């Protein structure tokens, strides 16, 4: 399996935005879930921010949520609905 190019692309994009003092780290083990990410860095899942991307009528919408909570998709859907 080839290595992901996401890590260097993310680091380059972050640097282009200006915050040069941020360290981007890659972990050897999977960190696909908030629980896995928390275990990798030794913190509680509630201290992790997870990002979830949904398609709202074909338009991408991102939700940022603490790692120990679940997203209420129905509630998000009504928030993204266009006004009547």
C-alpha atoms as a PDB file:
ATOM      1  CA  UNK A   1       0.000   0.000   0.000  1.00  0.00           C
ATOM      2  CA  UNK A   2       1.386   3.442  -0.873  1.00  0.00           C
ATOM      3  CA  UNK A   3       1.795   6.178   1.715  1.00  0.00           C
ATOM      4  CA  UNK A   4      -0.865   8.862   1.807  1.00  0.00           C
ATOM      5  CA  UNK A   5       0.013  12.222   0.316  1.00  0.00           C
ATOM      6  CA  UNK A   6      -2.477  13.964   2.619  1.00  0.00           C
ATOM      7  CA  UNK A   7       0.076  14.699   5.353  1.00  0.00           C
ATOM      8  CA  UNK A   8       2.533  16.745   3.231  1.00  0.00           C
ATOM      9  CA  UNK A   9      -0.301  18.445   1.306  1.00  0.00           C
ATOM     10  CA  UNK A  10      -1.984  19.474   4.569  1.00  0.00           C
ATOM     11  CA  UNK A  11       1.308  20.748   6.041  1.00  0.00           C
ATOM     12  CA  UNK A  12       2.005  22.797   2.882  1.00  0.00           C
ATOM     13  CA  UNK A  13      -1.511  24.278   2.855  1.00  0.00           C
ATOM     14  CA  UNK A  14      -1.304  25.149   6.544  1.00  0.00           C
ATOM     15  CA  UNK A  15       2.079  26.826   6.064  1.00  0.00           C
ATOM     16  CA  UNK A  16       0.692  28.847   3.137  1.00  0.00           C
ATOM     17  CA  UNK A  17      -2.024  30.201   5.450  1.00  0.00           C
ATOM     18  CA  UNK A  18       0.582  31.618   7.793  1.00  0.00           C
ATOM     19  CA  UNK A  19       0.696  29.741  11.107  1.00  0.00           C
ATOM     20  CA  UNK A  20       4.325  28.616  10.830  1.00  0.00           C
ATOM     21  CA  UNK A  21       4.621  27.503  14.461  1.00  0.00           C
ATOM     22  CA  UNK A  22       2.151  24.595  14.136  1.00  0.00           C
ATOM     23  CA  UNK A  23       3.593  21.098  14.102  1.00  0.00           C
ATOM     24  CA  UNK A  24       1.831  18.612  11.815  1.00  0.00           C
ATOM     25  CA  UNK A  25       2.477  15.069  12.984  1.00  0.00           C
ATOM     26  CA  UNK A  26       1.809  11.726  11.341  1.00  0.00           C
ATOM     27  CA  UNK A  27       1.070   8.762  13.570  1.00  0.00           C
ATOM     28  CA  UNK A  28       2.230   5.235  12.726  1.00  0.00           C
ATOM     29  CA  UNK A  29      -1.046   3.658  13.846  1.00  0.00           C
ATOM     30  CA  UNK A  30      -4.505   4.323  12.449  1.00  0.00           C
ATOM     31  CA  UNK A  31      -6.208   7.436  13.799  1.00  0.00           C
ATOM     32  CA  UNK A  32      -9.400   7.269  11.786  1.00  0.00           C
ATOM     33  CA  UNK A  33     -11.633   7.726  14.829  1.00  0.00           C
ATOM     34  CA  UNK A  34     -11.568  10.218  17.689  1.00  0.00           C
ATOM     35  CA  UNK A  35     -10.937   7.338  20.103  1.00  0.00           C
ATOM     36  CA  UNK A  36      -7.921   6.162  18.091  1.00  0.00           C
ATOM     37  CA  UNK A  37      -6.554   9.712  17.823  1.00  0.00           C
ATOM     38  CA  UNK A  38      -6.997  10.297  21.561  1.00  0.00           C
ATOM     39  CA  UNK A  39      -5.224   7.038  22.380  1.00  0.00           C
ATOM     40  CA  UNK A  40      -2.343   7.954  20.038  1.00  0.00           C
ATOM     41  CA  UNK A  41      -1.645  11.250  21.799  1.00  0.00           C
ATOM     42  CA  UNK A  42      -2.747  10.263  25.295  1.00  0.00           C
ATOM     43  CA  UNK A  43      -5.794  12.419  25.871  1.00  0.00           C
ATOM     44  CA  UNK A  44      -9.538  12.000  26.320  1.00  0.00           C
ATOM     45  CA  UNK A  45     -11.698  11.724  23.151  1.00  0.00           C
ATOM     46  CA  UNK A  46     -13.563  14.872  24.263  1.00  0.00           C
ATOM     47  CA  UNK A  47     -10.310  16.796  23.694  1.00  0.00           C
ATOM     48  CA  UNK A  48     -10.193  15.744  20.033  1.00  0.00           C
ATOM     49  CA  UNK A  49     -11.985  17.702  17.316  1.00  0.00           C
ATOM     50  CA  UNK A  50     -13.394  15.497  14.601  1.00  0.00           C
ATOM     51  CA  UNK A  51     -14.385  16.807  11.199  1.00  0.00           C
ATOM     52  CA  UNK A  52     -17.223  15.257   9.248  1.00  0.00           C
ATOM     53  CA  UNK A  53     -18.120  16.277   5.703  1.00  0.00           C
ATOM     54  CA  UNK A  54     -21.659  15.860   4.401  1.00  0.00           C
ATOM     55  CA  UNK A  55     -23.279  16.669   1.070  1.00  0.00           C
ATOM     56  CA  UNK A  56     -26.172  19.071   1.630  1.00  0.00           C
ATOM     57  CA  UNK A  57     -28.073  19.231  -1.653  1.00  0.00           C
ATOM     58  CA  UNK A  58     -24.828  18.473  -3.445  1.00  0.00           C
ATOM     59  CA  UNK A  59     -22.867  21.155  -1.576  1.00  0.00           C
ATOM     60  CA  UNK A  60     -20.162  20.036   0.875  1.00  0.00           C
ATOM     61  CA  UNK A  61     -20.804  21.023   4.490  1.00  0.00           C
ATOM     62  CA  UNK A  62     -18.315  20.395   7.290  1.00  0.00           C
ATOM     63  CA  UNK A  63     -19.221  19.764  10.922  1.00  0.00           C
ATOM     64  CA  UNK A  64     -16.579  20.132  13.626  1.00  0.00           C
ATOM     65  CA  UNK A  65     -17.502  18.281  16.814  1.00  0.00           C
ATOM     66  CA  UNK A  66     -15.740  17.165  19.960  1.00  0.00           C
ATOM     67  CA  UNK A  67     -14.595  13.574  19.709  1.00  0.00           C
ATOM     68  CA  UNK A  68     -16.870  12.155  22.382  1.00  0.00           C
ATOM     69  CA  UNK A  69     -20.144  13.478  20.908  1.00  0.00           C
ATOM     70  CA  UNK A  70     -22.297  12.241  18.060  1.00  0.00           C
ATOM     71  CA  UNK A  71     -23.571  14.439  15.260  1.00  0.00           C
ATOM     72  CA  UNK A  72     -27.350  14.730  14.964  1.00  0.00           C
ATOM     73  CA  UNK A  73     -27.594  14.393  11.181  1.00  0.00           C
ATOM     74  CA  UNK A  74     -31.299  15.240  11.117  1.00  0.00           C
ATOM     75  CA  UNK A  75     -30.693  18.464  13.035  1.00  0.00           C
ATOM     76  CA  UNK A  76     -27.826  19.397  10.745  1.00  0.00           C
ATOM     77  CA  UNK A  77     -29.994  18.707   7.720  1.00  0.00           C
ATOM     78  CA  UNK A  78     -32.631  21.191   8.853  1.00  0.00           C
ATOM     79  CA  UNK A  79     -29.923  23.766   9.558  1.00  0.00           C
ATOM     80  CA  UNK A  80     -28.610  23.439   6.003  1.00  0.00           C
ATOM     81  CA  UNK A  81     -31.991  23.557   4.334  1.00  0.00           C
ATOM     82  CA  UNK A  82     -32.645  26.671   2.263  1.00  0.00           C
ATOM     83  CA  UNK A  83     -35.258  29.064   3.655  1.00  0.00           C
ATOM     84  CA  UNK A  84     -38.839  28.385   2.510  1.00  0.00           C
END
